Amino acid sequence: MTKLPALSGRELVQALRQLGYEEDHRTGSHIILRQATSPHRRLTVPDHKEIAKGTLRAVIRQAGLTVEEFLSLLE
């Protein structure tokens, strides 16, 4: 299993913007992202200082990525 780095919610949003996700709105301490192109996925990212590893893996999976593909976005 590949080790994930410690990321904040804003750093995660920055990485997902490279895939065409845009901020749709905010609800409390969560950022709702929407994919501009088809399949128009919606992701909820907590705007926390550090996202839990399980939550990060879930967001990566919901975005349709593997961990390795996600890590290549951070480089």
N, C-alpha and C. Protein backbone atom coordinates (compact mmCIF):
# COMPACT_ATOMS: atom_id res chain seq x y z
N MET A 1 0.84 -1.17 0.00
CA MET A 1 0.00 0.00 0.00
C MET A 1 0.89 1.24 0.00
N THR A 2 0.61 2.15 -0.91
CA THR A 2 1.40 3.36 -1.04
C THR A 2 1.07 4.34 0.07
N LYS A 3 2.11 4.95 0.61
CA LYS A 3 1.94 5.90 1.70
C LYS A 3 1.47 7.25 1.16
N LEU A 4 0.48 7.81 1.80
CA LEU A 4 -0.06 9.11 1.40
C LEU A 4 0.57 10.22 2.24
N PRO A 5 0.82 11.37 1.62
CA PRO A 5 1.35 12.50 2.38
C PRO A 5 0.26 13.17 3.21
N ALA A 6 0.67 13.92 4.19
CA ALA A 6 -0.27 14.70 4.99
C ALA A 6 -0.64 15.94 4.18
N LEU A 7 -1.93 16.10 3.90
CA LEU A 7 -2.40 17.23 3.09
C LEU A 7 -3.50 17.97 3.83
N SER A 8 -3.56 19.27 3.58
CA SER A 8 -4.69 20.04 4.09
C SER A 8 -5.80 19.98 3.04
N GLY A 9 -6.98 20.43 3.42
CA GLY A 9 -8.09 20.44 2.48
C GLY A 9 -7.82 21.33 1.29
N ARG A 10 -7.19 22.45 1.52
CA ARG A 10 -6.90 23.39 0.42
C ARG A 10 -5.86 22.82 -0.54
N GLU A 11 -4.88 22.08 -0.01
CA GLU A 11 -3.89 21.44 -0.89
C GLU A 11 -4.54 20.36 -1.75
N LEU A 12 -5.49 19.64 -1.18
CA LEU A 12 -6.22 18.62 -1.93
C LEU A 12 -7.05 19.26 -3.03
N VAL A 13 -7.71 20.37 -2.73
CA VAL A 13 -8.51 21.07 -3.73
C VAL A 13 -7.61 21.55 -4.87
N GLN A 14 -6.43 22.05 -4.55
CA GLN A 14 -5.48 22.51 -5.56
C GLN A 14 -5.10 21.38 -6.51
N ALA A 15 -4.85 20.19 -5.97
CA ALA A 15 -4.50 19.04 -6.80
C ALA A 15 -5.68 18.63 -7.68
N LEU A 16 -6.88 18.66 -7.14
CA LEU A 16 -8.06 18.24 -7.90
C LEU A 16 -8.42 19.25 -8.99
N ARG A 17 -8.04 20.49 -8.82
CA ARG A 17 -8.29 21.50 -9.87
C ARG A 17 -7.55 21.14 -11.16
N GLN A 18 -6.44 20.44 -11.04
CA GLN A 18 -5.69 20.02 -12.22
C GLN A 18 -6.49 19.03 -13.06
N LEU A 19 -7.47 18.37 -12.45
CA LEU A 19 -8.31 17.40 -13.14
C LEU A 19 -9.60 18.01 -13.66
N GLY A 20 -9.78 19.31 -13.48
CA GLY A 20 -10.98 19.97 -13.98
C GLY A 20 -12.06 20.17 -12.94
N TYR A 21 -11.74 19.96 -11.67
CA TYR A 21 -12.73 20.21 -10.61
C TYR A 21 -12.71 21.69 -10.26
N GLU A 22 -13.90 22.24 -10.04
CA GLU A 22 -14.04 23.64 -9.66
C GLU A 22 -14.87 23.72 -8.39
N GLU A 23 -14.62 24.74 -7.59
CA GLU A 23 -15.40 24.90 -6.36
C GLU A 23 -16.82 25.29 -6.72
N ASP A 24 -17.77 24.49 -6.29
CA ASP A 24 -19.18 24.76 -6.54
C ASP A 24 -19.72 25.65 -5.43
N HIS A 25 -19.51 25.24 -4.17
CA HIS A 25 -19.91 26.04 -3.03
C HIS A 25 -19.28 25.48 -1.76
N ARG A 26 -19.52 26.17 -0.66
CA ARG A 26 -19.04 25.73 0.65
C ARG A 26 -20.22 25.55 1.57
N THR A 27 -20.14 24.53 2.38
CA THR A 27 -21.14 24.29 3.41
C THR A 27 -20.39 24.06 4.71
N GLY A 28 -20.45 25.02 5.59
CA GLY A 28 -19.71 24.90 6.85
C GLY A 28 -18.22 24.83 6.57
N SER A 29 -17.57 23.76 7.06
CA SER A 29 -16.13 23.61 6.85
C SER A 29 -15.83 22.63 5.73
N HIS A 30 -16.76 22.45 4.79
CA HIS A 30 -16.56 21.54 3.67
C HIS A 30 -16.65 22.29 2.35
N ILE A 31 -15.75 21.92 1.43
CA ILE A 31 -15.73 22.51 0.10
C ILE A 31 -16.34 21.49 -0.85
N ILE A 32 -17.35 21.91 -1.61
CA ILE A 32 -18.01 21.04 -2.56
C ILE A 32 -17.43 21.36 -3.94
N LEU A 33 -16.83 20.35 -4.57
CA LEU A 33 -16.23 20.52 -5.90
C LEU A 33 -17.10 19.84 -6.93
N ARG A 34 -17.11 20.39 -8.13
CA ARG A 34 -17.86 19.80 -9.23
C ARG A 34 -16.93 19.72 -10.44
N GLN A 35 -16.97 18.60 -11.14
CA GLN A 35 -16.14 18.43 -12.33
C GLN A 35 -16.81 19.17 -13.48
N ALA A 36 -16.04 20.02 -14.15
CA ALA A 36 -16.59 20.86 -15.21
C ALA A 36 -17.00 20.05 -16.44
N THR A 37 -16.28 18.98 -16.72
CA THR A 37 -16.58 18.15 -17.89
C THR A 37 -17.24 16.85 -17.46
N SER A 38 -17.79 16.15 -18.42
CA SER A 38 -18.44 14.87 -18.13
C SER A 38 -17.45 13.92 -17.48
N PRO A 39 -17.77 13.20 -16.47
CA PRO A 39 -19.06 12.78 -15.93
C PRO A 39 -19.62 13.67 -14.82
N HIS A 40 -19.14 14.89 -14.65
CA HIS A 40 -19.65 15.87 -13.69
C HIS A 40 -19.74 15.32 -12.27
N ARG A 41 -18.67 14.69 -11.81
CA ARG A 41 -18.64 14.17 -10.44
C ARG A 41 -18.65 15.32 -9.45
N ARG A 42 -19.18 15.05 -8.26
CA ARG A 42 -19.15 16.01 -7.16
C ARG A 42 -18.38 15.39 -6.01
N LEU A 43 -17.48 16.16 -5.45
CA LEU A 43 -16.67 15.70 -4.33
C LEU A 43 -16.83 16.67 -3.16
N THR A 44 -16.81 16.12 -1.97
CA THR A 44 -16.85 16.93 -0.76
C THR A 44 -15.50 16.79 -0.08
N VAL A 45 -14.83 17.92 0.11
CA VAL A 45 -13.50 17.94 0.72
C VAL A 45 -13.57 18.74 2.01
N PRO A 46 -13.20 18.14 3.15
CA PRO A 46 -13.19 18.91 4.39
C PRO A 46 -12.08 19.96 4.36
N ASP A 47 -12.39 21.17 4.76
CA ASP A 47 -11.41 22.26 4.78
C ASP A 47 -10.71 22.25 6.14
N HIS A 48 -9.93 21.20 6.38
CA HIS A 48 -9.23 21.03 7.64
C HIS A 48 -7.73 21.21 7.43
N LYS A 49 -7.00 21.42 8.53
CA LYS A 49 -5.55 21.57 8.44
C LYS A 49 -4.88 20.30 7.94
N GLU A 50 -5.40 19.16 8.37
CA GLU A 50 -4.89 17.87 7.89
C GLU A 50 -6.06 16.92 7.71
N ILE A 51 -6.13 16.33 6.52
CA ILE A 51 -7.21 15.39 6.22
C ILE A 51 -6.79 14.01 6.66
N ALA A 52 -7.70 13.28 7.29
CA ALA A 52 -7.43 11.91 7.74
C ALA A 52 -7.11 11.04 6.52
N LYS A 53 -6.22 10.07 6.72
CA LYS A 53 -5.77 9.22 5.61
C LYS A 53 -6.94 8.48 4.95
N GLY A 54 -7.88 7.97 5.75
CA GLY A 54 -9.03 7.25 5.19
C GLY A 54 -9.91 8.17 4.36
N THR A 55 -10.09 9.39 4.82
CA THR A 55 -10.88 10.37 4.08
C THR A 55 -10.19 10.73 2.78
N LEU A 56 -8.88 10.89 2.82
CA LEU A 56 -8.11 11.21 1.62
C LEU A 56 -8.23 10.09 0.60
N ARG A 57 -8.09 8.84 1.04
CA ARG A 57 -8.25 7.70 0.13
C ARG A 57 -9.64 7.65 -0.47
N ALA A 58 -10.66 7.96 0.32
CA ALA A 58 -12.03 7.95 -0.17
C ALA A 58 -12.24 9.01 -1.25
N VAL A 59 -11.70 10.21 -1.04
CA VAL A 59 -11.84 11.28 -2.03
C VAL A 59 -11.11 10.90 -3.32
N ILE A 60 -9.93 10.30 -3.19
CA ILE A 60 -9.17 9.87 -4.37
C ILE A 60 -9.97 8.83 -5.15
N ARG A 61 -10.56 7.88 -4.43
CA ARG A 61 -11.36 6.83 -5.08
C ARG A 61 -12.59 7.43 -5.75
N GLN A 62 -13.26 8.37 -5.10
CA GLN A 62 -14.45 9.01 -5.67
C GLN A 62 -14.12 9.83 -6.91
N ALA A 63 -12.89 10.34 -6.97
CA ALA A 63 -12.46 11.10 -8.14
C ALA A 63 -12.11 10.19 -9.31
N GLY A 64 -12.11 8.88 -9.07
CA GLY A 64 -11.81 7.93 -10.14
C GLY A 64 -10.33 7.75 -10.39
N LEU A 65 -9.51 7.99 -9.37
CA LEU A 65 -8.06 7.91 -9.50
C LEU A 65 -7.51 6.76 -8.67
N THR A 66 -6.31 6.32 -9.05
CA THR A 66 -5.56 5.44 -8.17
C THR A 66 -4.67 6.33 -7.31
N VAL A 67 -4.12 5.78 -6.26
CA VAL A 67 -3.24 6.55 -5.38
C VAL A 67 -2.02 7.04 -6.16
N GLU A 68 -1.48 6.20 -7.04
CA GLU A 68 -0.30 6.57 -7.82
C GLU A 68 -0.61 7.74 -8.76
N GLU A 69 -1.80 7.71 -9.40
CA GLU A 69 -2.19 8.81 -10.27
C GLU A 69 -2.33 10.10 -9.47
N PHE A 70 -2.90 10.00 -8.28
CA PHE A 70 -3.06 11.18 -7.43
C PHE A 70 -1.70 11.73 -7.01
N LEU A 71 -0.78 10.86 -6.62
CA LEU A 71 0.54 11.32 -6.20
C LEU A 71 1.28 12.01 -7.33
N SER A 72 1.05 11.60 -8.58
CA SER A 72 1.70 12.26 -9.71
C SER A 72 1.18 13.68 -9.89
N LEU A 73 -0.05 13.97 -9.44
CA LEU A 73 -0.58 15.34 -9.50
C LEU A 73 0.15 16.27 -8.53
N LEU A 74 0.67 15.70 -7.44
CA LEU A 74 1.32 16.50 -6.42
C LEU A 74 2.75 16.88 -6.78
N GLU A 75 3.32 16.20 -7.75
CA GLU A 75 4.72 16.47 -8.13
C GLU A 75 4.89 17.74 -8.89
